[in-house]
């Protein structure tokens, strides 16, 4: 469906109150990728209370080993181990590769304290 959809705007006294959108568009807006990301409690506890990096916390939450992650990323296990060290200075492209390997949004791996 490549046709332009015109949304109907319902007004009251010249002020917009509602917008009618096609049902498919509405349903698409409810998908998780459009919602704010939520970190599971177990990941949050591991990172905040146990002092683990977010990468390690997510890996353990997903039940993956360092070897599993290294294989998914096409790197050696020691190289991967360095990436999950707390405070690692990870490049954006590597962060995106880590997120893809963990199957989480890359924003889930950003540590605001660093």
PDB file of N, CA and C in Angstrom:
ATOM      1  N   UNK A   1       0.845  -1.177   0.000  1.00  0.00           N
ATOM      2  CA  UNK A   1       0.000   0.000   0.000  1.00  0.00           C
ATOM      3  C   UNK A   1       0.888   1.237   0.000  1.00  0.00           C
ATOM      4  N   UNK A   2       1.054   1.837  -1.144  1.00  0.00           N
ATOM      5  CA  UNK A   2       1.920   2.994  -1.280  1.00  0.00           C
ATOM      6  C   UNK A   2       1.147   4.288  -1.488  1.00  0.00           C
ATOM      7  N   UNK A   3      -0.144   4.266  -1.232  1.00  0.00           N
ATOM      8  CA  UNK A   3      -0.934   5.478  -1.425  1.00  0.00           C
ATOM      9  C   UNK A   3      -0.877   6.338  -0.170  1.00  0.00           C
ATOM     10  N   UNK A   4      -0.915   7.614  -0.373  1.00  0.00           N
ATOM     11  CA  UNK A   4      -0.889   8.558   0.727  1.00  0.00           C
ATOM     12  C   UNK A   4      -2.208   8.488   1.485  1.00  0.00           C
ATOM     13  N   UNK A   5      -2.114   8.361   2.805  1.00  0.00           N
ATOM     14  CA  UNK A   5      -3.307   8.296   3.633  1.00  0.00           C
ATOM     15  C   UNK A   5      -3.588   9.671   4.200  1.00  0.00           C
ATOM     16  N   UNK A   6      -4.832  10.104   4.048  1.00  0.00           N
ATOM     17  CA  UNK A   6      -5.231  11.382   4.640  1.00  0.00           C
ATOM     18  C   UNK A   6      -5.891  11.078   5.966  1.00  0.00           C
ATOM     19  N   UNK A   7      -5.344  11.631   7.009  1.00  0.00           N
ATOM     20  CA  UNK A   7      -5.922  11.443   8.330  1.00  0.00           C
ATOM     21  C   UNK A   7      -7.035  12.464   8.545  1.00  0.00           C
ATOM     22  N   UNK A   8      -8.101  12.018   9.192  1.00  0.00           N
ATOM     23  CA  UNK A   8      -9.217  12.915   9.480  1.00  0.00           C
ATOM     24  C   UNK A   8      -8.983  13.546  10.853  1.00  0.00           C
ATOM     25  N   UNK A   9      -9.008  14.855  10.912  1.00  0.00           N
ATOM     26  CA  UNK A   9      -8.834  15.580  12.164  1.00  0.00           C
ATOM     27  C   UNK A   9     -10.195  16.086  12.619  1.00  0.00           C
ATOM     28  N   UNK A  10     -10.552  15.747  13.835  1.00  0.00           N
ATOM     29  CA  UNK A  10     -11.819  16.181  14.406  1.00  0.00           C
ATOM     30  C   UNK A  10     -11.528  17.340  15.343  1.00  0.00           C
ATOM     31  N   UNK A  11     -12.218  18.440  15.119  1.00  0.00           N
ATOM     32  CA  UNK A  11     -11.969  19.654  15.889  1.00  0.00           C
ATOM     33  C   UNK A  11     -13.180  20.041  16.728  1.00  0.00           C
ATOM     34  N   UNK A  12     -12.922  20.847  17.738  1.00  0.00           N
ATOM     35  CA  UNK A  12     -13.974  21.436  18.563  1.00  0.00           C
ATOM     36  C   UNK A  12     -13.586  22.886  18.784  1.00  0.00           C
ATOM     37  N   UNK A  13     -14.426  23.816  18.334  1.00  0.00           N
ATOM     38  CA  UNK A  13     -14.139  25.249  18.437  1.00  0.00           C
ATOM     39  C   UNK A  13     -12.794  25.606  17.809  1.00  0.00           C
ATOM     40  N   UNK A  14     -12.498  24.965  16.679  1.00  0.00           N
ATOM     41  CA  UNK A  14     -11.263  25.270  15.960  1.00  0.00           C
ATOM     42  C   UNK A  14     -10.014  24.615  16.532  1.00  0.00           C
ATOM     43  N   UNK A  15     -10.146  23.850  17.591  1.00  0.00           N
ATOM     44  CA  UNK A  15      -8.998  23.176  18.210  1.00  0.00           C
ATOM     45  C   UNK A  15      -9.041  21.682  17.877  1.00  0.00           C
ATOM     46  N   UNK A  16      -7.909  21.110  17.422  1.00  0.00           N
ATOM     47  CA  UNK A  16      -7.903  19.670  17.117  1.00  0.00           C
ATOM     48  C   UNK A  16      -8.078  18.835  18.392  1.00  0.00           C
ATOM     49  N   UNK A  17      -8.977  17.850  18.323  1.00  0.00           N
ATOM     50  CA  UNK A  17      -9.234  16.961  19.452  1.00  0.00           C
ATOM     51  C   UNK A  17      -8.770  15.537  19.184  1.00  0.00           C
ATOM     52  N   UNK A  18      -9.045  15.033  17.992  1.00  0.00           N
ATOM     53  CA  UNK A  18      -8.739  13.646  17.647  1.00  0.00           C
ATOM     54  C   UNK A  18      -8.222  13.577  16.219  1.00  0.00           C
ATOM     55  N   UNK A  19      -7.475  12.511  15.954  1.00  0.00           N
ATOM     56  CA  UNK A  19      -7.066  12.204  14.593  1.00  0.00           C
ATOM     57  C   UNK A  19      -7.467  10.768  14.318  1.00  0.00           C
ATOM     58  N   UNK A  20      -8.202  10.562  13.248  1.00  0.00           N
ATOM     59  CA  UNK A  20      -8.564   9.208  12.837  1.00  0.00           C
ATOM     60  C   UNK A  20      -7.497   8.695  11.881  1.00  0.00           C
ATOM     61  N   UNK A  21      -6.973   7.539  12.191  1.00  0.00           N
ATOM     62  CA  UNK A  21      -5.938   6.920  11.356  1.00  0.00           C
ATOM     63  C   UNK A  21      -6.413   5.534  10.939  1.00  0.00           C
ATOM     64  N   UNK A  22      -5.895   5.004   9.841  1.00  0.00           N
ATOM     65  CA  UNK A  22      -6.252   3.641   9.441  1.00  0.00           C
ATOM     66  C   UNK A  22      -5.851   2.638  10.535  1.00  0.00           C
ATOM     67  N   UNK A  23      -6.647   1.601  10.679  1.00  0.00           N
ATOM     68  CA  UNK A  23      -6.428   0.614  11.739  1.00  0.00           C
ATOM     69  C   UNK A  23      -5.034  -0.001  11.653  1.00  0.00           C
ATOM     70  N   UNK A  24      -4.573  -0.349  10.459  1.00  0.00           N
ATOM     71  CA  UNK A  24      -3.243  -0.962  10.301  1.00  0.00           C
ATOM     72  C   UNK A  24      -2.145  -0.022  10.795  1.00  0.00           C
ATOM     73  N   UNK A  25      -2.295   1.258  10.526  1.00  0.00           N
ATOM     74  CA  UNK A  25      -1.316   2.237  10.993  1.00  0.00           C
ATOM     75  C   UNK A  25      -1.335   2.335  12.520  1.00  0.00           C
ATOM     76  N   UNK A  26      -2.515   2.312  13.086  1.00  0.00           N
ATOM     77  CA  UNK A  26      -2.659   2.329  14.548  1.00  0.00           C
ATOM     78  C   UNK A  26      -1.982   1.106  15.162  1.00  0.00           C
ATOM     79  N   UNK A  27      -2.239  -0.078  14.613  1.00  0.00           N
ATOM     80  CA  UNK A  27      -1.651  -1.305  15.154  1.00  0.00           C
ATOM     81  C   UNK A  27      -0.124  -1.275  15.037  1.00  0.00           C
ATOM     82  N   UNK A  28       0.380  -0.751  13.944  1.00  0.00           N
ATOM     83  CA  UNK A  28       1.828  -0.651  13.763  1.00  0.00           C
ATOM     84  C   UNK A  28       2.448   0.251  14.822  1.00  0.00           C
ATOM     85  N   UNK A  29       1.698   1.258  15.257  1.00  0.00           N
ATOM     86  CA  UNK A  29       2.234   2.177  16.272  1.00  0.00           C
ATOM     87  C   UNK A  29       2.332   1.523  17.640  1.00  0.00           C
ATOM     88  N   UNK A  30       1.671   0.391  17.835  1.00  0.00           N
ATOM     89  CA  UNK A  30       1.689  -0.307  19.120  1.00  0.00           C
ATOM     90  C   UNK A  30       2.803  -1.330  19.220  1.00  0.00           C
ATOM     91  N   UNK A  31       3.521  -1.577  18.168  1.00  0.00           N
ATOM     92  CA  UNK A  31       4.598  -2.572  18.180  1.00  0.00           C
ATOM     93  C   UNK A  31       5.692  -2.163  19.145  1.00  0.00           C
ATOM     94  N   UNK A  32       6.377  -3.153  19.735  1.00  0.00           N
ATOM     95  CA  UNK A  32       7.426  -2.859  20.725  1.00  0.00           C
ATOM     96  C   UNK A  32       8.512  -1.916  20.232  1.00  0.00           C
ATOM     97  N   UNK A  33       8.878  -1.977  18.935  1.00  0.00           N
ATOM     98  CA  UNK A  33       9.947  -1.112  18.454  1.00  0.00           C
ATOM     99  C   UNK A  33       9.568   0.366  18.512  1.00  0.00           C
ATOM    100  N   UNK A  34       8.267   0.655  18.608  1.00  0.00           N
ATOM    101  CA  UNK A  34       7.866   2.047  18.724  1.00  0.00           C
ATOM    102  C   UNK A  34       7.685   2.473  20.174  1.00  0.00           C
ATOM    103  N   UNK A  35       7.766   1.510  21.084  1.00  0.00           N
ATOM    104  CA  UNK A  35       7.610   1.804  22.504  1.00  0.00           C
ATOM    105  C   UNK A  35       8.970   2.057  23.139  1.00  0.00           C
ATOM    106  N   UNK A  36       8.934   2.691  24.289  1.00  0.00           N
ATOM    107  CA  UNK A  36      10.169   2.919  25.022  1.00  0.00           C
ATOM    108  C   UNK A  36      10.733   1.576  25.470  1.00  0.00           C
ATOM    109  N   UNK A  37      12.034   1.413  25.343  1.00  0.00           N
ATOM    110  CA  UNK A  37      12.685   0.167  25.712  1.00  0.00           C
ATOM    111  C   UNK A  37      12.622  -0.041  27.220  1.00  0.00           C
ATOM    112  N   UNK A  38      12.408  -1.290  27.606  1.00  0.00           N
ATOM    113  CA  UNK A  38      12.336  -1.636  29.012  1.00  0.00           C
ATOM    114  C   UNK A  38      13.416  -2.665  29.310  1.00  0.00           C
ATOM    115  N   UNK A  39      14.180  -2.440  30.364  1.00  0.00           N
ATOM    116  CA  UNK A  39      15.218  -3.382  30.766  1.00  0.00           C
ATOM    117  C   UNK A  39      14.641  -4.308  31.828  1.00  0.00           C
ATOM    118  N   UNK A  40      14.757  -5.629  31.647  1.00  0.00           N
ATOM    119  CA  UNK A  40      14.251  -6.561  32.648  1.00  0.00           C
ATOM    120  C   UNK A  40      14.918  -6.334  34.005  1.00  0.00           C
ATOM    121  N   UNK A  41      14.179  -6.617  35.070  1.00  0.00           N
ATOM    122  CA  UNK A  41      14.684  -6.416  36.421  1.00  0.00           C
ATOM    123  C   UNK A  41      15.992  -7.166  36.657  1.00  0.00           C
ATOM    124  N   UNK A  42      16.101  -8.396  36.166  1.00  0.00           N
ATOM    125  CA  UNK A  42      17.315  -9.189  36.365  1.00  0.00           C
ATOM    126  C   UNK A  42      18.533  -8.514  35.738  1.00  0.00           C
ATOM    127  N   UNK A  43      18.352  -7.897  34.574  1.00  0.00           N
ATOM    128  CA  UNK A  43      19.449  -7.191  33.906  1.00  0.00           C
ATOM    129  C   UNK A  43      19.817  -5.952  34.708  1.00  0.00           C
ATOM    130  N   UNK A  44      18.817  -5.220  35.148  1.00  0.00           N
ATOM    131  CA  UNK A  44      19.053  -4.014  35.942  1.00  0.00           C
ATOM    132  C   UNK A  44      19.786  -4.335  37.248  1.00  0.00           C
ATOM    133  N   UNK A  45      19.355  -5.387  37.938  1.00  0.00           N
ATOM    134  CA  UNK A  45      20.010  -5.782  39.197  1.00  0.00           C
ATOM    135  C   UNK A  45      21.463  -6.173  38.963  1.00  0.00           C
ATOM    136  N   UNK A  46      21.696  -6.960  37.912  1.00  0.00           N
ATOM    137  CA  UNK A  46      23.064  -7.400  37.622  1.00  0.00           C
ATOM    138  C   UNK A  46      23.971  -6.210  37.336  1.00  0.00           C
ATOM    139  N   UNK A  47      23.449  -5.230  36.617  1.00  0.00           N
ATOM    140  CA  UNK A  47      24.258  -4.068  36.263  1.00  0.00           C
ATOM    141  C   UNK A  47      24.411  -3.093  37.423  1.00  0.00           C
ATOM    142  N   UNK A  48      23.335  -2.827  38.136  1.00  0.00           N
ATOM    143  CA  UNK A  48      23.365  -1.798  39.172  1.00  0.00           C
ATOM    144  C   UNK A  48      23.768  -2.295  40.550  1.00  0.00           C
ATOM    145  N   UNK A  49      23.366  -3.501  40.897  1.00  0.00           N
ATOM    146  CA  UNK A  49      23.651  -3.998  42.241  1.00  0.00           C
ATOM    147  C   UNK A  49      24.876  -4.909  42.284  1.00  0.00           C
ATOM    148  N   UNK A  50      25.120  -5.630  41.195  1.00  0.00           N
ATOM    149  CA  UNK A  50      26.252  -6.552  41.161  1.00  0.00           C
ATOM    150  C   UNK A  50      27.459  -5.955  40.443  1.00  0.00           C
ATOM    151  N   UNK A  51      27.281  -4.788  39.835  1.00  0.00           N
ATOM    152  CA  UNK A  51      28.395  -4.098  39.186  1.00  0.00           C
ATOM    153  C   UNK A  51      28.835  -4.682  37.859  1.00  0.00           C
ATOM    154  N   UNK A  52      27.994  -5.469  37.229  1.00  0.00           N
ATOM    155  CA  UNK A  52      28.330  -6.044  35.924  1.00  0.00           C
ATOM    156  C   UNK A  52      28.037  -5.026  34.830  1.00  0.00           C
ATOM    157  N   UNK A  53      28.742  -5.167  33.703  1.00  0.00           N
ATOM    158  CA  UNK A  53      28.439  -4.303  32.562  1.00  0.00           C
ATOM    159  C   UNK A  53      27.078  -4.697  32.006  1.00  0.00           C
ATOM    160  N   UNK A  54      26.432  -3.769  31.293  1.00  0.00           N
ATOM    161  CA  UNK A  54      25.148  -4.081  30.674  1.00  0.00           C
ATOM    162  C   UNK A  54      25.283  -5.199  29.647  1.00  0.00           C
ATOM    163  N   UNK A  55      26.400  -5.238  28.943  1.00  0.00           N
ATOM    164  CA  UNK A  55      26.619  -6.299  27.956  1.00  0.00           C
ATOM    165  C   UNK A  55      26.650  -7.655  28.656  1.00  0.00           C
ATOM    166  N   UNK A  56      27.403  -7.761  29.744  1.00  0.00           N
ATOM    167  CA  UNK A  56      27.474  -9.025  30.485  1.00  0.00           C
ATOM    168  C   UNK A  56      26.117  -9.375  31.092  1.00  0.00           C
ATOM    169  N   UNK A  57      25.445  -8.386  31.677  1.00  0.00           N
ATOM    170  CA  UNK A  57      24.147  -8.630  32.293  1.00  0.00           C
ATOM    171  C   UNK A  57      23.147  -9.164  31.268  1.00  0.00           C
ATOM    172  N   UNK A  58      23.119  -8.566  30.075  1.00  0.00           N
ATOM    173  CA  UNK A  58      22.220  -9.040  29.030  1.00  0.00           C
ATOM    174  C   UNK A  58      22.618 -10.437  28.564  1.00  0.00           C
ATOM    175  N   UNK A  59      23.922 -10.672  28.389  1.00  0.00           N
ATOM    176  CA  UNK A  59      24.378 -11.995  27.925  1.00  0.00           C
ATOM    177  C   UNK A  59      23.929 -13.073  28.897  1.00  0.00           C
ATOM    178  N   UNK A  60      24.148 -12.838  30.200  1.00  0.00           N
ATOM    179  CA  UNK A  60      23.761 -13.817  31.201  1.00  0.00           C
ATOM    180  C   UNK A  60      22.237 -13.977  31.254  1.00  0.00           C
ATOM    181  N   UNK A  61      21.518 -12.886  31.119  1.00  0.00           N
ATOM    182  CA  UNK A  61      20.056 -12.938  31.114  1.00  0.00           C
ATOM    183  C   UNK A  61      19.550 -13.798  29.957  1.00  0.00           C
ATOM    184  N   UNK A  62      20.204 -13.694  28.811  1.00  0.00           N
ATOM    185  CA  UNK A  62      19.813 -14.456  27.626  1.00  0.00           C
ATOM    186  C   UNK A  62      20.314 -15.895  27.670  1.00  0.00           C
ATOM    187  N   UNK A  63      21.129 -16.227  28.690  1.00  0.00           N
ATOM    188  CA  UNK A  63      21.634 -17.594  28.834  1.00  0.00           C
ATOM    189  C   UNK A  63      22.723 -17.950  27.848  1.00  0.00           C
ATOM    190  N   UNK A  64      23.494 -16.960  27.434  1.00  0.00           N
ATOM    191  CA  UNK A  64      24.563 -17.175  26.461  1.00  0.00           C
ATOM    192  C   UNK A  64      25.919 -17.186  27.156  1.00  0.00           C
ATOM    193  N   UNK A  65      26.857 -17.938  26.604  1.00  0.00           N
ATOM    194  CA  UNK A  65      28.234 -17.927  27.107  1.00  0.00           C
ATOM    195  C   UNK A  65      29.032 -16.894  26.327  1.00  0.00           C
ATOM    196  N   UNK A  66      30.206 -16.574  26.826  1.00  0.00           N
ATOM    197  CA  UNK A  66      31.087 -15.666  26.081  1.00  0.00           C
ATOM    198  C   UNK A  66      31.438 -16.272  24.725  1.00  0.00           C
ATOM    199  N   UNK A  67      31.627 -17.593  24.695  1.00  0.00           N
ATOM    200  CA  UNK A  67      31.935 -18.273  23.429  1.00  0.00           C
ATOM    201  C   UNK A  67      30.777 -18.135  22.441  1.00  0.00           C
ATOM    202  N   UNK A  68      29.539 -18.250  22.936  1.00  0.00           N
ATOM    203  CA  UNK A  68      28.369 -18.067  22.072  1.00  0.00           C
ATOM    204  C   UNK A  68      28.374 -16.677  21.443  1.00  0.00           C
ATOM    205  N   UNK A  69      28.618 -15.673  22.278  1.00  0.00           N
ATOM    206  CA  UNK A  69      28.622 -14.293  21.784  1.00  0.00           C
ATOM    207  C   UNK A  69      29.752 -14.061  20.793  1.00  0.00           C
ATOM    208  N   UNK A  70      30.925 -14.580  21.110  1.00  0.00           N
ATOM    209  CA  UNK A  70      32.072 -14.426  20.209  1.00  0.00           C
ATOM    210  C   UNK A  70      31.761 -15.039  18.850  1.00  0.00           C
ATOM    211  N   UNK A  71      31.129 -16.195  18.867  1.00  0.00           N
ATOM    212  CA  UNK A  71      30.766 -16.857  17.610  1.00  0.00           C
ATOM    213  C   UNK A  71      29.749 -16.031  16.836  1.00  0.00           C
ATOM    214  N   UNK A  72      28.744 -15.505  17.526  1.00  0.00           N
ATOM    215  CA  UNK A  72      27.723 -14.679  16.867  1.00  0.00           C
ATOM    216  C   UNK A  72      28.337 -13.434  16.234  1.00  0.00           C
ATOM    217  N   UNK A  73      29.394 -12.909  16.869  1.00  0.00           N
ATOM    218  CA  UNK A  73      30.023 -11.685  16.364  1.00  0.00           C
ATOM    219  C   UNK A  73      31.173 -11.952  15.411  1.00  0.00           C
ATOM    220  N   UNK A  74      31.605 -13.205  15.317  1.00  0.00           N
ATOM    221  CA  UNK A  74      32.717 -13.560  14.432  1.00  0.00           C
ATOM    222  C   UNK A  74      34.064 -13.092  14.955  1.00  0.00           C
ATOM    223  N   UNK A  75      34.222 -13.096  16.286  1.00  0.00           N
ATOM    224  CA  UNK A  75      35.486 -12.693  16.909  1.00  0.00           C
ATOM    225  C   UNK A  75      35.910 -13.777  17.898  1.00  0.00           C
ATOM    226  N   UNK A  76      37.110 -13.632  18.453  1.00  0.00           N
ATOM    227  CA  UNK A  76      37.588 -14.615  19.429  1.00  0.00           C
ATOM    228  C   UNK A  76      36.929 -14.378  20.788  1.00  0.00           C
ATOM    229  N   UNK A  77      36.913 -15.400  21.624  1.00  0.00           N
ATOM    230  CA  UNK A  77      36.329 -15.261  22.944  1.00  0.00           C
ATOM    231  C   UNK A  77      37.085 -14.234  23.781  1.00  0.00           C
ATOM    232  N   UNK A  78      38.451 -14.221  23.778  1.00  0.00           N
ATOM    233  CA  UNK A  78      39.149 -13.174  24.540  1.00  0.00           C
ATOM    234  C   UNK A  78      38.823 -11.756  24.051  1.00  0.00           C
ATOM    235  N   UNK A  79      38.642 -11.593  22.742  1.00  0.00           N
ATOM    236  CA  UNK A  79      38.279 -10.269  22.208  1.00  0.00           C
ATOM    237  C   UNK A  79      36.894  -9.877  22.705  1.00  0.00           C
ATOM    238  N   UNK A  80      35.981 -10.853  22.716  1.00  0.00           N
ATOM    239  CA  UNK A  80      34.639 -10.564  23.222  1.00  0.00           C
ATOM    240  C   UNK A  80      34.693 -10.218  24.711  1.00  0.00           C
ATOM    241  N   UNK A  81      35.471 -10.970  25.482  1.00  0.00           N
ATOM    242  CA  UNK A  81      35.563 -10.743  26.930  1.00  0.00           C
ATOM    243  C   UNK A  81      35.943  -9.296  27.237  1.00  0.00           C
ATOM    244  N   UNK A  82      36.818  -8.719  26.421  1.00  0.00           N
ATOM    245  CA  UNK A  82      37.209  -7.322  26.622  1.00  0.00           C
ATOM    246  C   UNK A  82      36.019  -6.384  26.409  1.00  0.00           C
ATOM    247  N   UNK A  83      35.110  -6.744  25.501  1.00  0.00           N
ATOM    248  CA  UNK A  83      33.959  -5.891  25.205  1.00  0.00           C
ATOM    249  C   UNK A  83      32.955  -5.834  26.344  1.00  0.00           C
ATOM    250  N   UNK A  84      32.917  -6.875  27.167  1.00  0.00           N
ATOM    251  CA  UNK A  84      31.938  -6.855  28.249  1.00  0.00           C
ATOM    252  C   UNK A  84      32.549  -6.433  29.583  1.00  0.00           C
ATOM    253  N   UNK A  85      33.774  -5.942  29.547  1.00  0.00           N
ATOM    254  CA  UNK A  85      34.396  -5.399  30.746  1.00  0.00           C
ATOM    255  C   UNK A  85      33.689  -4.106  31.131  1.00  0.00           C
ATOM    256  N   UNK A  86      33.394  -3.950  32.411  1.00  0.00           N
ATOM    257  CA  UNK A  86      32.735  -2.729  32.910  1.00  0.00           C
ATOM    258  C   UNK A  86      33.624  -1.533  32.568  1.00  0.00           C
ATOM    259  N   UNK A  87      33.040  -0.519  31.943  1.00  0.00           N
ATOM    260  CA  UNK A  87      33.774   0.687  31.584  1.00  0.00           C
ATOM    261  C   UNK A  87      34.505   0.598  30.255  1.00  0.00           C
ATOM    262  N   UNK A  88      34.279  -0.477  29.485  1.00  0.00           N
ATOM    263  CA  UNK A  88      34.938  -0.614  28.181  1.00  0.00           C
ATOM    264  C   UNK A  88      34.515   0.543  27.278  1.00  0.00           C
ATOM    265  N   UNK A  89      35.468   1.106  26.558  1.00  0.00           N
ATOM    266  CA  UNK A  89      35.200   2.205  25.634  1.00  0.00           C
ATOM    267  C   UNK A  89      34.847   1.600  24.275  1.00  0.00           C
ATOM    268  N   UNK A  90      33.575   1.267  24.099  1.00  0.00           N
ATOM    269  CA  UNK A  90      33.116   0.545  22.916  1.00  0.00           C
ATOM    270  C   UNK A  90      32.674   1.505  21.827  1.00  0.00           C
ATOM    271  N   UNK A  91      33.161   1.283  20.618  1.00  0.00           N
ATOM    272  CA  UNK A  91      32.758   2.097  19.470  1.00  0.00           C
ATOM    273  C   UNK A  91      31.290   1.852  19.152  1.00  0.00           C
ATOM    274  N   UNK A  92      30.678   2.835  18.530  1.00  0.00           N
ATOM    275  CA  UNK A  92      29.257   2.744  18.182  1.00  0.00           C
ATOM    276  C   UNK A  92      28.979   1.547  17.278  1.00  0.00           C
ATOM    277  N   UNK A  93      29.832   1.310  16.297  1.00  0.00           N
ATOM    278  CA  UNK A  93      29.602   0.183  15.388  1.00  0.00           C
ATOM    279  C   UNK A  93      29.681  -1.145  16.140  1.00  0.00           C
ATOM    280  N   UNK A  94      30.593  -1.242  17.084  1.00  0.00           N
ATOM    281  CA  UNK A  94      30.714  -2.471  17.882  1.00  0.00           C
ATOM    282  C   UNK A  94      29.509  -2.624  18.789  1.00  0.00           C
ATOM    283  N   UNK A  95      29.033  -1.519  19.347  1.00  0.00           N
ATOM    284  CA  UNK A  95      27.839  -1.545  20.192  1.00  0.00           C
ATOM    285  C   UNK A  95      26.636  -2.071  19.404  1.00  0.00           C
ATOM    286  N   UNK A  96      26.520  -1.661  18.160  1.00  0.00           N
ATOM    287  CA  UNK A  96      25.433  -2.134  17.308  1.00  0.00           C
ATOM    288  C   UNK A  96      25.583  -3.631  17.015  1.00  0.00           C
ATOM    289  N   UNK A  97      26.816  -4.087  16.818  1.00  0.00           N
ATOM    290  CA  UNK A  97      27.052  -5.520  16.583  1.00  0.00           C
ATOM    291  C   UNK A  97      26.732  -6.328  17.834  1.00  0.00           C
ATOM    292  N   UNK A  98      27.098  -5.806  19.004  1.00  0.00           N
ATOM    293  CA  UNK A  98      26.770  -6.474  20.265  1.00  0.00           C
ATOM    294  C   UNK A  98      25.259  -6.591  20.423  1.00  0.00           C
ATOM    295  N   UNK A  99      24.561  -5.508  20.156  1.00  0.00           N
ATOM    296  CA  UNK A  99      23.102  -5.499  20.285  1.00  0.00           C
ATOM    297  C   UNK A  99      22.464  -6.505  19.329  1.00  0.00           C
ATOM    298  N   UNK A 100      22.962  -6.570  18.115  1.00  0.00           N
ATOM    299  CA  UNK A 100      22.430  -7.528  17.144  1.00  0.00           C
ATOM    300  C   UNK A 100      22.667  -8.962  17.626  1.00  0.00           C
ATOM    301  N   UNK A 101      23.840  -9.222  18.168  1.00  0.00           N
ATOM    302  CA  UNK A 101      24.153 -10.565  18.669  1.00  0.00           C
ATOM    303  C   UNK A 101      23.275 -10.934  19.865  1.00  0.00           C
ATOM    304  N   UNK A 102      22.939  -9.945  20.676  1.00  0.00           N
ATOM    305  CA  UNK A 102      22.079 -10.174  21.839  1.00  0.00           C
ATOM    306  C   UNK A 102      20.595 -10.083  21.507  1.00  0.00           C
ATOM    307  N   UNK A 103      20.300  -9.593  20.305  1.00  0.00           N
ATOM    308  CA  UNK A 103      18.922  -9.389  19.850  1.00  0.00           C
ATOM    309  C   UNK A 103      18.165  -8.427  20.765  1.00  0.00           C
ATOM    310  N   UNK A 104      18.824  -7.298  21.058  1.00  0.00           N
ATOM    311  CA  UNK A 104      18.216  -6.224  21.845  1.00  0.00           C
ATOM    312  C   UNK A 104      18.487  -4.911  21.125  1.00  0.00           C
ATOM    313  N   UNK A 105      17.682  -3.869  21.374  1.00  0.00           N
ATOM    314  CA  UNK A 105      17.987  -2.555  20.789  1.00  0.00           C
ATOM    315  C   UNK A 105      19.340  -2.061  21.321  1.00  0.00           C
ATOM    316  N   UNK A 106      20.123  -1.410  20.490  1.00  0.00           N
ATOM    317  CA  UNK A 106      21.462  -0.986  20.906  1.00  0.00           C
ATOM    318  C   UNK A 106      21.413  -0.029  22.092  1.00  0.00           C
ATOM    319  N   UNK A 107      20.313   0.714  22.213  1.00  0.00           N
ATOM    320  CA  UNK A 107      20.182   1.646  23.331  1.00  0.00           C
ATOM    321  C   UNK A 107      20.175   0.927  24.678  1.00  0.00           C
ATOM    322  N   UNK A 108      19.804  -0.349  24.658  1.00  0.00           N
ATOM    323  CA  UNK A 108      19.774  -1.141  25.895  1.00  0.00           C
ATOM    324  C   UNK A 108      21.168  -1.396  26.452  1.00  0.00           C
ATOM    325  N   UNK A 109      22.187  -1.158  25.654  1.00  0.00           N
ATOM    326  CA  UNK A 109      23.554  -1.414  26.081  1.00  0.00           C
ATOM    327  C   UNK A 109      24.304  -0.147  26.476  1.00  0.00           C
ATOM    328  N   UNK A 110      23.652   0.985  26.391  1.00  0.00           N
ATOM    329  CA  UNK A 110      24.281   2.258  26.730  1.00  0.00           C
ATOM    330  C   UNK A 110      24.235   2.484  28.233  1.00  0.00           C
ATOM    331  N   UNK A 111      25.382   2.748  28.788  1.00  0.00           N
ATOM    332  CA  UNK A 111      25.474   3.021  30.224  1.00  0.00           C
ATOM    333  C   UNK A 111      25.619   4.513  30.400  1.00  0.00           C
ATOM    334  N   UNK A 112      24.607   5.156  30.977  1.00  0.00           N
ATOM    335  CA  UNK A 112      24.613   6.616  31.130  1.00  0.00           C
ATOM    336  C   UNK A 112      25.705   7.131  32.053  1.00  0.00           C
ATOM    337  N   UNK A 113      26.224   6.273  32.930  1.00  0.00           N
ATOM    338  CA  UNK A 113      27.225   6.718  33.892  1.00  0.00           C
ATOM    339  C   UNK A 113      28.596   6.844  33.275  1.00  0.00           C
ATOM    340  N   UNK A 114      28.799   6.269  32.106  1.00  0.00           N
ATOM    341  CA  UNK A 114      30.130   6.288  31.513  1.00  0.00           C
ATOM    342  C   UNK A 114      30.242   7.302  30.417  1.00  0.00           C
TER     343      UNK A 114
END
